[in-house]
Structures are given as C-alpha cells and as structure tokens.
Protein backbone atom coordinates (compact mmCIF):
# COMPACT_ATOMS: atom_id res chain seq x y z
CA MET A 1 46.49 63.85 108.86
CA PRO A 2 47.80 65.19 112.33
CA ALA A 3 45.85 63.02 115.14
CA VAL A 4 45.90 62.82 118.87
CA LYS A 5 45.78 59.34 120.80
CA GLU A 6 43.41 58.99 123.36
CA PRO A 7 42.73 62.82 123.38
CA ILE A 8 42.10 63.94 126.84
CA ASN A 9 38.40 65.74 127.83
CA LEU A 10 36.83 65.00 124.36
CA MET A 11 33.59 63.94 126.08
CA ARG A 12 33.78 66.00 129.28
CA HIS A 13 30.39 65.03 130.67
CA ASP A 14 31.14 61.45 131.50
CA ASN A 15 35.03 61.33 131.07
CA LYS A 16 34.53 58.68 127.98
CA ARG A 17 37.22 58.60 125.46
CA PRO A 18 37.84 56.97 122.17
CA ASP A 19 41.06 56.16 121.11
CA GLY A 20 41.84 59.23 118.60
CA THR A 21 40.94 61.62 116.97
CA THR A 22 42.11 63.76 113.91
CA LEU A 23 42.75 67.65 114.45
CA LEU A 24 41.84 68.73 110.94
CA PRO A 25 38.61 67.87 109.37
CA TRP A 26 38.15 64.84 108.08
CA THR A 27 34.89 64.77 106.03
CA ARG A 28 31.80 67.17 106.00
CA GLY A 29 33.62 70.06 108.02
CA LYS A 30 34.43 67.83 111.45
CA PRO A 31 37.30 66.10 112.78
CA MET A 32 37.00 62.11 112.97
CA ALA A 33 37.44 60.22 116.09
CA TRP A 34 37.67 56.64 116.45
CA ASP A 35 37.68 53.34 118.50
CA VAL A 36 39.70 50.31 118.00
CA THR A 37 38.50 46.98 119.68
CA ALA A 38 39.14 43.38 119.17
CA PRO A 39 36.92 41.21 120.60
CA ASP A 40 37.70 37.41 121.16
CA THR A 41 35.94 35.21 118.62
CA TYR A 42 36.03 32.58 121.02
CA ALA A 43 34.95 34.29 124.21
CA GLU A 44 32.28 32.60 126.41
CA SER A 45 30.01 35.75 125.78
CA HIS A 46 30.31 35.45 121.93
CA ILE A 47 30.73 32.07 121.18
CA GLY A 48 27.13 31.34 120.86
CA SER A 49 26.50 33.99 118.23
CA THR A 50 29.97 33.53 116.61
CA ALA A 51 29.60 29.55 115.81
CA THR A 52 26.74 30.50 114.08
CA LYS A 53 27.58 33.83 112.21
CA PRO A 54 30.74 34.84 111.21
CA GLY A 55 31.77 38.50 112.36
CA ALA A 56 28.90 38.36 115.52
CA ALA A 57 31.35 39.54 117.74
CA ALA A 58 32.66 42.57 115.97
CA GLN A 59 28.84 43.42 115.49
CA LYS A 60 27.80 43.43 118.64
CA THR A 61 31.13 45.76 120.05
CA THR A 62 30.67 47.94 117.06
CA GLN A 63 26.98 48.60 117.91
CA ASN A 64 28.27 49.06 121.74
CA LYS A 65 30.49 51.28 120.73
CA ILE A 66 28.67 53.36 118.80
CA ASP A 67 25.61 53.92 121.83
CA LYS A 68 28.39 54.70 123.93
CA TYR A 69 30.03 57.45 121.70
CA SER A 70 26.95 58.70 120.40
CA LYS A 71 27.09 62.15 122.05
CA LEU A 72 30.18 62.43 119.44
CA ALA A 73 28.06 62.60 116.47
CA SER A 74 27.47 66.27 116.83
CA THR A 75 31.12 67.39 116.77
CA HIS A 76 33.05 64.55 114.95
CA ILE A 77 32.61 61.78 112.77
CA PHE A 78 33.01 58.50 114.66
CA CYS A 79 34.46 55.23 113.30
CA GLN A 80 34.42 52.37 114.88
CA PHE A 81 37.17 49.70 114.34
CA ALA A 82 36.49 46.12 115.42
CA THR A 83 38.35 43.19 114.19
CA GLU A 84 37.45 39.85 115.68
CA THR A 85 40.46 37.59 116.94
CA ALA A 86 39.88 35.36 114.54
CA GLY A 87 40.37 37.67 111.81
CA THR A 88 36.85 39.13 110.74
CA TRP A 89 36.55 42.48 109.67
CA HIS A 90 33.69 44.53 110.90
CA GLU A 91 32.56 46.49 107.62
CA MET A 92 33.27 49.87 109.32
CA ALA A 93 36.59 49.33 109.68
CA ILE A 94 37.00 47.97 106.37
CA GLU A 95 35.95 50.94 105.02
CA LEU A 96 37.51 53.53 107.41
CA THR A 97 40.99 51.44 106.15
CA LYS A 98 39.95 51.65 102.32
CA GLN A 99 39.56 55.53 102.95
CA ILE A 100 42.61 55.58 104.77
CA GLY A 101 44.45 53.75 101.58
CA ARG A 102 42.69 55.77 99.14
CA ARG A 103 43.84 58.80 101.07
CA ILE A 104 47.71 57.80 101.19
CA THR A 105 47.80 56.87 97.51
CA THR A 106 46.41 60.23 96.55
CA ILE A 107 49.89 61.34 98.18
CA THR A 108 52.29 58.73 97.16
CA GLU A 109 50.36 57.94 93.63
CA ASP A 110 50.96 54.07 94.54
CA THR A 111 47.98 52.27 94.08
CA ARG A 112 49.12 48.88 96.19
CA GLU A 113 48.82 51.65 99.58
CA THR A 114 45.46 49.82 100.54
CA THR A 115 46.87 46.68 100.24
CA PHE A 116 49.96 47.04 102.27
CA LEU A 117 47.68 48.96 104.95
CA PHE A 118 45.43 45.84 105.29
CA GLN A 119 48.64 43.49 105.05
CA GLY A 120 50.17 45.34 107.79
CA LEU A 121 46.97 45.44 110.23
CA SER A 122 46.68 41.98 109.54
CA MET A 123 50.07 41.07 110.90
CA ALA A 124 49.57 43.49 113.89
CA LEU A 125 46.29 41.47 114.56
CA GLN A 126 48.43 37.65 114.11
CA ARG A 127 51.28 39.41 116.44
CA GLY A 128 48.79 40.59 119.23
CA ASN A 129 47.16 37.18 119.04
CA ALA A 130 50.21 35.10 119.12
CA VAL A 131 51.29 37.33 122.59
CA SER A 132 47.90 36.67 123.67
CA PHE A 133 48.00 33.12 123.25
CA HIS A 134 51.61 32.35 124.66
CA ASN A 135 50.95 34.59 127.85
CA THR A 136 48.20 31.68 128.53
CA MET A 137 50.95 28.91 128.43
CA VAL A 138 52.01 27.66 131.84
CA THR A 139 56.04 28.12 132.13
CA GLU A 140 57.78 26.56 134.63
C-alpha cells in the first residue's frame, strides 16, 4: 500500500498535518491518514488519571488528535495511533494494527503476520523508551 510520510499541505487552511497518508483508497473509497503519538504514562499532566485508569493518557491524546484533524473526515479515513510509554495501546491503535496484519496475511498467506506486527511495534516502543530513559541520565 503506497503511502506518504508527513504529507505537505494535506490540511492547507491551518498547516496541521498528520504523520502520513495512503495514496490509494483504504476503505469506503477514501485514503487513510494517521497520526502516531506515545504519551508519557508518568507525565505530571497524565499521572492523576493513569494512576486510576489504564490507558487514560492514550484516550486523552486520541480524543485531542481526533478533534485536531476533524476536518479530514470529509476526504480521509483518520486513524489515531496512540500507545502509552508504559505499553497500554488505545483501541484504535489495536484495530488498525489488526487491519494491517490482515491485509499482509492476505498477500503472504502467513496467519502469523498480525502477531509479528504487534511484536515489532512493541519492541519499537521499548527501544524508544530505553533511549528516552538513557538520555535523562547524567553522565560525567
């Protein structure tokens, strides 16, 4: 599925742009645009809600991004992909990953593709967390 990373001028009226878009229709004759975010589960702005409800930061950021890109609905299918730094995935991210996995399985005929995709994305999140954590260390 051909895609463009950070498409320029997708939303000309306000210069906001999602992280990517497919060049071909994704579903219902519309291309898909997506935005990826990984809110910090332990950030001061989230800790009050994430301490009592798993996924609260992902839910909040997803709603904010859906509101931000609401004007895209007329031309694109918009998917927000939010995973918290502690590993909680928003339902929309889970569903998109499953859809992509099913599409890959259709081509490769390997029923493990969705599992491989989840594993690869989870490892990427862990690597990102490790880099972020390492960069907070004071070295002399």
